[in-house]
PDB file of N, CA and C in Angstrom:
ATOM      1  N   MET A   1     145.989 110.321 115.200  1.00  0.00           N
ATOM      2  CA  MET A   1     144.821 111.013 114.698  1.00  0.00           C
ATOM      3  C   MET A   1     145.268 112.354 114.128  1.00  0.00           C
ATOM      4  N   SER A   2     144.899 112.604 112.887  1.00  0.00           N
ATOM      5  CA  SER A   2     145.301 113.858 112.254  1.00  0.00           C
ATOM      6  C   SER A   2     144.316 114.968 112.600  1.00  0.00           C
ATOM      7  N   LYS A   3     144.730 116.200 112.329  1.00  0.00           N
ATOM      8  CA  LYS A   3     143.862 117.344 112.599  1.00  0.00           C
ATOM      9  C   LYS A   3     142.580 117.249 111.794  1.00  0.00           C
ATOM     10  N   GLY A   4     142.645 116.701 110.598  1.00  0.00           N
ATOM     11  CA  GLY A   4     141.457 116.525 109.768  1.00  0.00           C
ATOM     12  C   GLY A   4     140.440 115.602 110.405  1.00  0.00           C
ATOM     13  N   ASP A   5     140.915 114.665 111.231  1.00  0.00           N
ATOM     14  CA  ASP A   5     140.005 113.764 111.936  1.00  0.00           C
ATOM     15  C   ASP A   5     139.333 114.459 113.116  1.00  0.00           C
ATOM     16  N   LEU A   6     139.967 115.506 113.640  1.00  0.00           N
ATOM     17  CA  LEU A   6     139.428 116.175 114.823  1.00  0.00           C
ATOM     18  C   LEU A   6     138.270 117.087 114.479  1.00  0.00           C
ATOM     19  N   VAL A   7     138.391 117.813 113.379  1.00  0.00           N
ATOM     20  CA  VAL A   7     137.354 118.753 112.959  1.00  0.00           C
ATOM     21  C   VAL A   7     136.821 118.267 111.616  1.00  0.00           C
ATOM     22  N   PRO A   8     135.556 117.845 111.595  1.00  0.00           N
ATOM     23  CA  PRO A   8     135.015 117.286 110.359  1.00  0.00           C
ATOM     24  C   PRO A   8     134.920 118.313 109.249  1.00  0.00           C
ATOM     25  N   GLY A   9     134.930 117.822 108.024  1.00  0.00           N
ATOM     26  CA  GLY A   9     134.806 118.704 106.870  1.00  0.00           C
ATOM     27  C   GLY A   9     133.377 119.167 106.670  1.00  0.00           C
ATOM     28  N   GLN A  10     133.174 120.024 105.696  1.00  0.00           N
ATOM     29  CA  GLN A  10     131.863 120.600 105.437  1.00  0.00           C
ATOM     30  C   GLN A  10     130.839 119.560 105.004  1.00  0.00           C
ATOM     31  N   GLU A  11     131.279 118.396 104.558  1.00  0.00           N
ATOM     32  CA  GLU A  11     130.323 117.395 104.087  1.00  0.00           C
ATOM     33  C   GLU A  11     129.524 116.775 105.233  1.00  0.00           C
ATOM     34  N   LEU A  12     129.949 116.961 106.461  1.00  0.00           N
ATOM     35  CA  LEU A  12     129.244 116.421 107.618  1.00  0.00           C
ATOM     36  C   LEU A  12     128.146 117.396 108.033  1.00  0.00           C
ATOM     37  N   GLN A  13     126.940 116.890 108.166  1.00  0.00           N
ATOM     38  CA  GLN A  13     125.810 117.710 108.581  1.00  0.00           C
ATOM     39  C   GLN A  13     125.798 117.862 110.106  1.00  0.00           C
ATOM     40  N   PHE A  14     125.116 118.896 110.585  1.00  0.00           N
ATOM     41  CA  PHE A  14     125.034 119.162 112.016  1.00  0.00           C
ATOM     42  C   PHE A  14     124.515 117.942 112.772  1.00  0.00           C
ATOM     43  N   GLU A  15     123.436 117.363 112.273  1.00  0.00           N
ATOM     44  CA  GLU A  15     122.822 116.224 112.969  1.00  0.00           C
ATOM     45  C   GLU A  15     123.773 115.038 113.064  1.00  0.00           C
ATOM     46  N   GLU A  16     124.551 114.820 112.013  1.00  0.00           N
ATOM     47  CA  GLU A  16     125.527 113.735 112.018  1.00  0.00           C
ATOM     48  C   GLU A  16     126.644 114.008 113.025  1.00  0.00           C
ATOM     49  N   ALA A  17     127.135 115.235 113.047  1.00  0.00           N
ATOM     50  CA  ALA A  17     128.197 115.600 113.986  1.00  0.00           C
ATOM     51  C   ALA A  17     127.707 115.478 115.423  1.00  0.00           C
ATOM     52  N   LEU A  18     126.480 115.923 115.683  1.00  0.00           N
ATOM     53  CA  LEU A  18     125.918 115.832 117.023  1.00  0.00           C
ATOM     54  C   LEU A  18     125.738 114.376 117.444  1.00  0.00           C
ATOM     55  N   ALA A  19     125.285 113.536 116.513  1.00  0.00           N
ATOM     56  CA  ALA A  19     125.121 112.107 116.818  1.00  0.00           C
ATOM     57  C   ALA A  19     126.476 111.469 117.136  1.00  0.00           C
ATOM     58  N   GLN A  20     127.496 111.827 116.373  1.00  0.00           N
ATOM     59  CA  GLN A  20     128.840 111.301 116.649  1.00  0.00           C
ATOM     60  C   GLN A  20     129.338 111.764 118.009  1.00  0.00           C
ATOM     61  N   LEU A  21     129.076 113.016 118.336  1.00  0.00           N
ATOM     62  CA  LEU A  21     129.495 113.562 119.628  1.00  0.00           C
ATOM     63  C   LEU A  21     128.789 112.832 120.763  1.00  0.00           C
ATOM     64  N   GLU A  22     127.489 112.620 120.615  1.00  0.00           N
ATOM     65  CA  GLU A  22     126.734 111.906 121.648  1.00  0.00           C
ATOM     66  C   GLU A  22     127.247 110.478 121.814  1.00  0.00           C
ATOM     67  N   GLU A  23     127.591 109.831 120.701  1.00  0.00           N
ATOM     68  CA  GLU A  23     128.132 108.472 120.758  1.00  0.00           C
ATOM     69  C   GLU A  23     129.478 108.462 121.490  1.00  0.00           C
ATOM     70  N   LEU A  24     130.338 109.422 121.180  1.00  0.00           N
ATOM     71  CA  LEU A  24     131.634 109.514 121.861  1.00  0.00           C
ATOM     72  C   LEU A  24     131.463 109.716 123.358  1.00  0.00           C
ATOM     73  N   VAL A  25     130.577 110.611 123.736  1.00  0.00           N
ATOM     74  CA  VAL A  25     130.339 110.882 125.152  1.00  0.00           C
ATOM     75  C   VAL A  25     129.831 109.622 125.840  1.00  0.00           C
ATOM     76  N   GLY A  26     128.929 108.912 125.186  1.00  0.00           N
ATOM     77  CA  GLY A  26     128.403 107.670 125.756  1.00  0.00           C
ATOM     78  C   GLY A  26     129.489 106.637 125.990  1.00  0.00           C
ATOM     79  N   ARG A  27     130.383 106.481 125.004  1.00  0.00           N
ATOM     80  CA  ARG A  27     131.486 105.521 125.158  1.00  0.00           C
ATOM     81  C   ARG A  27     132.434 105.947 126.275  1.00  0.00           C
ATOM     82  N   MET A  28     132.677 107.238 126.379  1.00  0.00           N
ATOM     83  CA  MET A  28     133.583 107.718 127.422  1.00  0.00           C
ATOM     84  C   MET A  28     132.944 107.549 128.799  1.00  0.00           C
ATOM     85  N   GLU A  29     131.634 107.738 128.894  1.00  0.00           N
ATOM     86  CA  GLU A  29     130.954 107.614 130.186  1.00  0.00           C
ATOM     87  C   GLU A  29     130.909 106.172 130.677  1.00  0.00           C
ATOM     88  N   THR A  30     130.934 105.212 129.756  1.00  0.00           N
ATOM     89  CA  THR A  30     130.924 103.811 130.191  1.00  0.00           C
ATOM     90  C   THR A  30     132.258 103.417 130.804  1.00  0.00           C
ATOM     91  N   GLY A  31     133.326 104.117 130.429  1.00  0.00           N
ATOM     92  CA  GLY A  31     134.619 103.933 131.082  1.00  0.00           C
ATOM     93  C   GLY A  31     135.445 102.772 130.587  1.00  0.00           C
ATOM     94  N   GLY A  32     135.098 102.122 129.502  1.00  0.00           N
ATOM     95  CA  GLY A  32     135.860 100.976 129.035  1.00  0.00           C
ATOM     96  C   GLY A  32     136.991 101.306 128.089  1.00  0.00           C
ATOM     97  N   LEU A  33     137.352 102.560 127.964  1.00  0.00           N
ATOM     98  CA  LEU A  33     138.392 102.961 127.031  1.00  0.00           C
ATOM     99  C   LEU A  33     139.754 103.004 127.708  1.00  0.00           C
ATOM    100  N   SER A  34     140.766 102.710 126.917  1.00  0.00           N
ATOM    101  CA  SER A  34     142.128 102.892 127.427  1.00  0.00           C
ATOM    102  C   SER A  34     142.398 104.387 127.514  1.00  0.00           C
ATOM    103  N   LEU A  35     143.477 104.743 128.156  1.00  0.00           N
ATOM    104  CA  LEU A  35     143.837 106.158 128.270  1.00  0.00           C
ATOM    105  C   LEU A  35     144.004 106.785 126.893  1.00  0.00           C
ATOM    106  N   ALA A  36     144.702 106.105 126.002  1.00  0.00           N
ATOM    107  CA  ALA A  36     144.928 106.631 124.653  1.00  0.00           C
ATOM    108  C   ALA A  36     143.601 106.791 123.902  1.00  0.00           C
ATOM    109  N   GLU A  37     142.720 105.810 124.034  1.00  0.00           N
ATOM    110  CA  GLU A  37     141.414 105.901 123.377  1.00  0.00           C
ATOM    111  C   GLU A  37     140.580 107.040 123.968  1.00  0.00           C
ATOM    112  N   ALA A  38     140.653 107.196 125.286  1.00  0.00           N
ATOM    113  CA  ALA A  38     139.900 108.262 125.943  1.00  0.00           C
ATOM    114  C   ALA A  38     140.392 109.635 125.497  1.00  0.00           C
ATOM    115  N   VAL A  39     141.701 109.797 125.421  1.00  0.00           N
ATOM    116  CA  VAL A  39     142.266 111.077 124.981  1.00  0.00           C
ATOM    117  C   VAL A  39     141.897 111.336 123.521  1.00  0.00           C
ATOM    118  N   GLY A  40     142.000 110.327 122.671  1.00  0.00           N
ATOM    119  CA  GLY A  40     141.623 110.483 121.266  1.00  0.00           C
ATOM    120  C   GLY A  40     140.146 110.820 121.118  1.00  0.00           C
ATOM    121  N   SER A  41     139.313 110.158 121.917  1.00  0.00           N
ATOM    122  CA  SER A  41     137.873 110.435 121.879  1.00  0.00           C
ATOM    123  C   SER A  41     137.587 111.852 122.361  1.00  0.00           C
ATOM    124  N   TYR A  42     138.319 112.281 123.384  1.00  0.00           N
ATOM    125  CA  TYR A  42     138.148 113.639 123.889  1.00  0.00           C
ATOM    126  C   TYR A  42     138.520 114.659 122.817  1.00  0.00           C
ATOM    127  N   GLU A  43     139.642 114.430 122.137  1.00  0.00           N
ATOM    128  CA  GLU A  43     140.079 115.341 121.067  1.00  0.00           C
ATOM    129  C   GLU A  43     139.038 115.402 119.954  1.00  0.00           C
ATOM    130  N   ARG A  44     138.567 114.247 119.535  1.00  0.00           N
ATOM    131  CA  ARG A  44     137.557 114.192 118.476  1.00  0.00           C
ATOM    132  C   ARG A  44     136.278 114.888 118.938  1.00  0.00           C
ATOM    133  N   GLY A  45     135.890 114.655 120.179  1.00  0.00           N
ATOM    134  CA  GLY A  45     134.687 115.278 120.725  1.00  0.00           C
ATOM    135  C   GLY A  45     134.794 116.793 120.769  1.00  0.00           C
ATOM    136  N   MET A  46     135.951 117.293 121.140  1.00  0.00           N
ATOM    137  CA  MET A  46     136.147 118.744 121.163  1.00  0.00           C
ATOM    138  C   MET A  46     136.041 119.327 119.753  1.00  0.00           C
ATOM    139  N   GLY A  47     136.582 118.617 118.775  1.00  0.00           N
ATOM    140  CA  GLY A  47     136.480 119.064 117.388  1.00  0.00           C
ATOM    141  C   GLY A  47     135.031 119.063 116.918  1.00  0.00           C
ATOM    142  N   LEU A  48     134.298 118.011 117.258  1.00  0.00           N
ATOM    143  CA  LEU A  48     132.884 117.941 116.883  1.00  0.00           C
ATOM    144  C   LEU A  48     132.076 119.020 117.587  1.00  0.00           C
ATOM    145  N   ALA A  49     132.384 119.264 118.854  1.00  0.00           N
ATOM    146  CA  ALA A  49     131.663 120.298 119.606  1.00  0.00           C
ATOM    147  C   ALA A  49     131.914 121.671 118.988  1.00  0.00           C
ATOM    148  N   ALA A  50     133.149 121.949 118.605  1.00  0.00           N
ATOM    149  CA  ALA A  50     133.470 123.231 117.972  1.00  0.00           C
ATOM    150  C   ALA A  50     132.768 123.359 116.623  1.00  0.00           C
ATOM    151  N   PHE A  51     132.736 122.271 115.870  1.00  0.00           N
ATOM    152  CA  PHE A  51     132.068 122.253 114.567  1.00  0.00           C
ATOM    153  C   PHE A  51     130.577 122.548 114.731  1.00  0.00           C
ATOM    154  N   CYS A  52     129.930 121.872 115.700  1.00  0.00           N
ATOM    155  CA  CYS A  52     128.504 122.083 115.955  1.00  0.00           C
ATOM    156  C   CYS A  52     128.242 123.519 116.415  1.00  0.00           C
ATOM    157  N   THR A  53     129.103 124.031 117.266  1.00  0.00           N
ATOM    158  CA  THR A  53     128.950 125.406 117.754  1.00  0.00           C
ATOM    159  C   THR A  53     129.049 126.399 116.604  1.00  0.00           C
ATOM    160  N   ASP A  54     129.998 126.178 115.698  1.00  0.00           N
ATOM    161  CA  ASP A  54     130.141 127.058 114.528  1.00  0.00           C
ATOM    162  C   ASP A  54     128.878 127.038 113.666  1.00  0.00           C
ATOM    163  N   LEU A  55     128.329 125.833 113.445  1.00  0.00           N
ATOM    164  CA  LEU A  55     127.112 125.730 112.646  1.00  0.00           C
ATOM    165  C   LEU A  55     125.935 126.416 113.330  1.00  0.00           C
ATOM    166  N   LEU A  56     125.811 126.247 114.639  1.00  0.00           N
ATOM    167  CA  LEU A  56     124.731 126.902 115.371  1.00  0.00           C
ATOM    168  C   LEU A  56     124.886 128.419 115.345  1.00  0.00           C
ATOM    169  N   ASP A  57     126.118 128.896 115.502  1.00  0.00           N
ATOM    170  CA  ASP A  57     126.367 130.341 115.433  1.00  0.00           C
ATOM    171  C   ASP A  57     126.005 130.896 114.056  1.00  0.00           C
ATOM    172  N   SER A  58     126.354 130.144 113.003  1.00  0.00           N
ATOM    173  CA  SER A  58     126.023 130.575 111.644  1.00  0.00           C
ATOM    174  C   SER A  58     124.511 130.605 111.432  1.00  0.00           C
ATOM    175  N   ALA A  59     123.824 129.604 111.956  1.00  0.00           N
ATOM    176  CA  ALA A  59     122.363 129.557 111.831  1.00  0.00           C
ATOM    177  C   ALA A  59     121.721 130.724 112.577  1.00  0.00           C
ATOM    178  N   GLU A  60     122.224 131.014 113.772  1.00  0.00           N
ATOM    179  CA  GLU A  60     121.687 132.131 114.552  1.00  0.00           C
ATOM    180  C   GLU A  60     121.903 133.457 113.826  1.00  0.00           C
ATOM    181  N   LEU A  61     123.076 133.635 113.254  1.00  0.00           N
ATOM    182  CA  LEU A  61     123.368 134.855 112.499  1.00  0.00           C
ATOM    183  C   LEU A  61     122.425 134.991 111.307  1.00  0.00           C
ATOM    184  N   ARG A  62     122.207 133.893 110.598  1.00  0.00           N
ATOM    185  CA  ARG A  62     121.312 133.916 109.437  1.00  0.00           C
ATOM    186  C   ARG A  62     119.888 134.272 109.865  1.00  0.00           C
ATOM    187  N   ILE A  63     119.426 133.722 110.979  1.00  0.00           N
ATOM    188  CA  ILE A  63     118.085 134.033 111.483  1.00  0.00           C
ATOM    189  C   ILE A  63     117.977 135.508 111.834  1.00  0.00           C
ATOM    190  N   ARG A  64     119.007 136.048 112.465  1.00  0.00           N
ATOM    191  CA  ARG A  64     118.995 137.479 112.796  1.00  0.00           C
ATOM    192  C   ARG A  64     118.967 138.348 111.538  1.00  0.00           C
ATOM    193  N   GLU A  65     119.709 137.924 110.504  1.00  0.00           N
ATOM    194  CA  GLU A  65     119.700 138.670 109.246  1.00  0.00           C
ATOM    195  C   GLU A  65     118.303 138.651 108.627  1.00  0.00           C
ATOM    196  N   ILE A  66     117.649 137.499 108.663  1.00  0.00           N
ATOM    197  CA  ILE A  66     116.297 137.379 108.115  1.00  0.00           C
ATOM    198  C   ILE A  66     115.335 138.259 108.890  1.00  0.00           C
ATOM    199  N   GLU A  67     115.433 138.223 110.225  1.00  0.00           N
ATOM    200  CA  GLU A  67     114.552 139.042 111.060  1.00  0.00           C
ATOM    201  C   GLU A  67     114.779 140.532 110.804  1.00  0.00           C
ATOM    202  N   THR A  68     116.035 140.939 110.673  1.00  0.00           N
ATOM    203  CA  THR A  68     116.354 142.344 110.415  1.00  0.00           C
ATOM    204  C   THR A  68     115.793 142.773 109.061  1.00  0.00           C
ATOM    205  N   ALA A  69     115.951 141.919 108.057  1.00  0.00           N
ATOM    206  CA  ALA A  69     115.421 142.244 106.733  1.00  0.00           C
ATOM    207  C   ALA A  69     113.900 142.340 106.767  1.00  0.00           C
ATOM    208  N   ALA A  70     113.264 141.450 107.506  1.00  0.00           N
ATOM    209  CA  ALA A  70     111.799 141.462 107.599  1.00  0.00           C
ATOM    210  C   ALA A  70     111.315 142.718 108.320  1.00  0.00           C
ATOM    211  N   GLU A  71     112.054 143.154 109.333  1.00  0.00           N
ATOM    212  CA  GLU A  71     111.671 144.354 110.078  1.00  0.00           C
ATOM    213  C   GLU A  71     111.824 145.617 109.240  1.00  0.00           C
ATOM    214  N   SER A  72     112.764 145.621 108.302  1.00  0.00           N
ATOM    215  CA  SER A  72     113.007 146.817 107.511  1.00  0.00           C
ATOM    216  C   SER A  72     112.100 146.913 106.277  1.00  0.00           C
ATOM    217  N   GLU A  73     111.368 145.835 105.970  1.00  0.00           N
ATOM    218  CA  GLU A  73     110.453 145.879 104.835  1.00  0.00           C
ATOM    219  C   GLU A  73     109.259 146.758 105.179  1.00  0.00           C
ATOM    220  N   PRO A  74     108.809 147.563 104.230  1.00  0.00           N
ATOM    221  CA  PRO A  74     107.664 148.431 104.512  1.00  0.00           C
ATOM    222  C   PRO A  74     106.394 147.604 104.731  1.00  0.00           C
ATOM    223  N   VAL A  75     105.618 148.040 105.695  1.00  0.00           N
ATOM    224  CA  VAL A  75     104.351 147.390 105.989  1.00  0.00           C
ATOM    225  C   VAL A  75     103.291 147.994 105.076  1.00  0.00           C
ATOM    226  N   PRO A  76     102.507 147.154 104.397  1.00  0.00           N
ATOM    227  CA  PRO A  76     101.500 147.712 103.508  1.00  0.00           C
ATOM    228  C   PRO A  76     100.486 148.547 104.282  1.00  0.00           C
ATOM    229  N   ASP A  77     100.055 149.621 103.639  1.00  0.00           N
ATOM    230  CA  ASP A  77      99.061 150.509 104.231  1.00  0.00           C
ATOM    231  C   ASP A  77      97.743 149.756 104.365  1.00  0.00           C
ATOM    232  N   ALA A  78      97.050 149.972 105.470  1.00  0.00           N
ATOM    233  CA  ALA A  78      95.778 149.294 105.709  1.00  0.00           C
ATOM    234  C   ALA A  78      94.748 149.690 104.660  1.00  0.00           C
ATOM    235  N   ALA A  79      94.911 150.852 104.046  1.00  0.00           N
ATOM    236  CA  ALA A  79      93.953 151.332 103.049  1.00  0.00           C
ATOM    237  C   ALA A  79      94.349 150.886 101.644  1.00  0.00           C
ATOM    238  N   PHE A  80      95.173 149.883 101.533  1.00  0.00           N
ATOM    239  CA  PHE A  80      95.642 149.396 100.235  1.00  0.00           C
ATOM    240  C   PHE A  80      94.454 148.885  99.426  1.00  0.00           C
ATOM    241  N   ASP A  81      94.334 149.368  98.208  1.00  0.00           N
ATOM    242  CA  ASP A  81      93.222 148.999  97.324  1.00  0.00           C
ATOM    243  C   ASP A  81      93.803 148.233  96.146  1.00  0.00           C
ATOM    244  N   LEU A  82      93.616 146.925  96.153  1.00  0.00           N
ATOM    245  CA  LEU A  82      94.196 146.074  95.122  1.00  0.00           C
ATOM    246  C   LEU A  82      93.657 146.418  93.742  1.00  0.00           C
ATOM    247  N   GLU A  83      92.365 146.649  93.637  1.00  0.00           N
ATOM    248  CA  GLU A  83      91.782 146.971  92.332  1.00  0.00           C
ATOM    249  C   GLU A  83      92.340 148.279  91.784  1.00  0.00           C
ATOM    250  N   ALA A  84      92.526 149.258  92.633  1.00  0.00           N
ATOM    251  CA  ALA A  84      93.095 150.533  92.188  1.00  0.00           C
ATOM    252  C   ALA A  84      94.532 150.347  91.719  1.00  0.00           C
ATOM    253  N   GLU A  85      95.293 149.520  92.412  1.00  0.00           N
ATOM    254  CA  GLU A  85      96.681 149.247  92.007  1.00  0.00           C
ATOM    255  C   GLU A  85      96.719 148.535  90.659  1.00  0.00           C
ATOM    256  N   ILE A  86      95.821 147.596  90.463  1.00  0.00           N
ATOM    257  CA  ILE A  86      95.762 146.883  89.181  1.00  0.00           C
ATOM    258  C   ILE A  86      95.416 147.862  88.063  1.00  0.00           C
ATOM    259  N   ASP A  87      94.449 148.735  88.318  1.00  0.00           N
ATOM    260  CA  ASP A  87      94.080 149.741  87.318  1.00  0.00           C
ATOM    261  C   ASP A  87      95.268 150.631  86.969  1.00  0.00           C
ATOM    262  N   LEU A  88      96.026 151.040  87.976  1.00  0.00           N
ATOM    263  CA  LEU A  88      97.206 151.876  87.729  1.00  0.00           C
ATOM    264  C   LEU A  88      98.223 151.147  86.875  1.00  0.00           C
ATOM    265  N   LEU A  89      98.434 149.870  87.158  1.00  0.00           N
ATOM    266  CA  LEU A  89      99.390 149.079  86.379  1.00  0.00           C
ATOM    267  C   LEU A  89      98.919 148.923  84.942  1.00  0.00           C
ATOM    268  N   LEU A  90      97.636 148.709  84.772  1.00  0.00           N
ATOM    269  CA  LEU A  90      97.105 148.550  83.425  1.00  0.00           C
ATOM    270  C   LEU A  90      97.180 149.855  82.651  1.00  0.00           C
ATOM    271  N   LEU A  91      96.960 150.980  83.303  1.00  0.00           N
ATOM    272  CA  LEU A  91      97.043 152.281  82.635  1.00  0.00           C
ATOM    273  C   LEU A  91      98.470 152.597  82.213  1.00  0.00           C
ATOM    274  N   ASP A  92      99.447 152.127  83.020  1.00  0.00           N
ATOM    275  CA  ASP A  92     100.855 152.385  82.688  1.00  0.00           C
ATOM    276  C   ASP A  92     101.267 151.650  81.415  1.00  0.00           C
ATOM    277  N   LYS A  93     100.607 150.543  81.123  1.00  0.00           N
ATOM    278  CA  LYS A  93     100.981 149.752  79.944  1.00  0.00           C
ATOM    279  C   LYS A  93     100.367 150.329  78.666  1.00  0.00           C
ATOM    280  N   GLU A  94      99.365 151.172  78.797  1.00  0.00           N
ATOM    281  CA  GLU A  94      98.705 151.720  77.601  1.00  0.00           C
ATOM    282  C   GLU A  94      99.466 152.859  77.018  1.00  0.00           C
TER     283      GLU A  94
END
């Protein structure tokens, strides 16, 4: 098994990697694997687990960035007058 087989490429989606990991764990739990197959499955599973963890960490970071950006956006004033703003915009064009 090559290193490329242990850690999937970017073309594999999180859900696919997780499904493969769950399948590997299920096969290992049934106990019908040879030692070599069990070790290979363990290696592949560790690669899939690391891949899934990286994707989850990236998603969490992105969510935090979105939340931070949303918190830093100015909150509109409660006294905001849409008609007055439209009038101002129209006057600027004249």
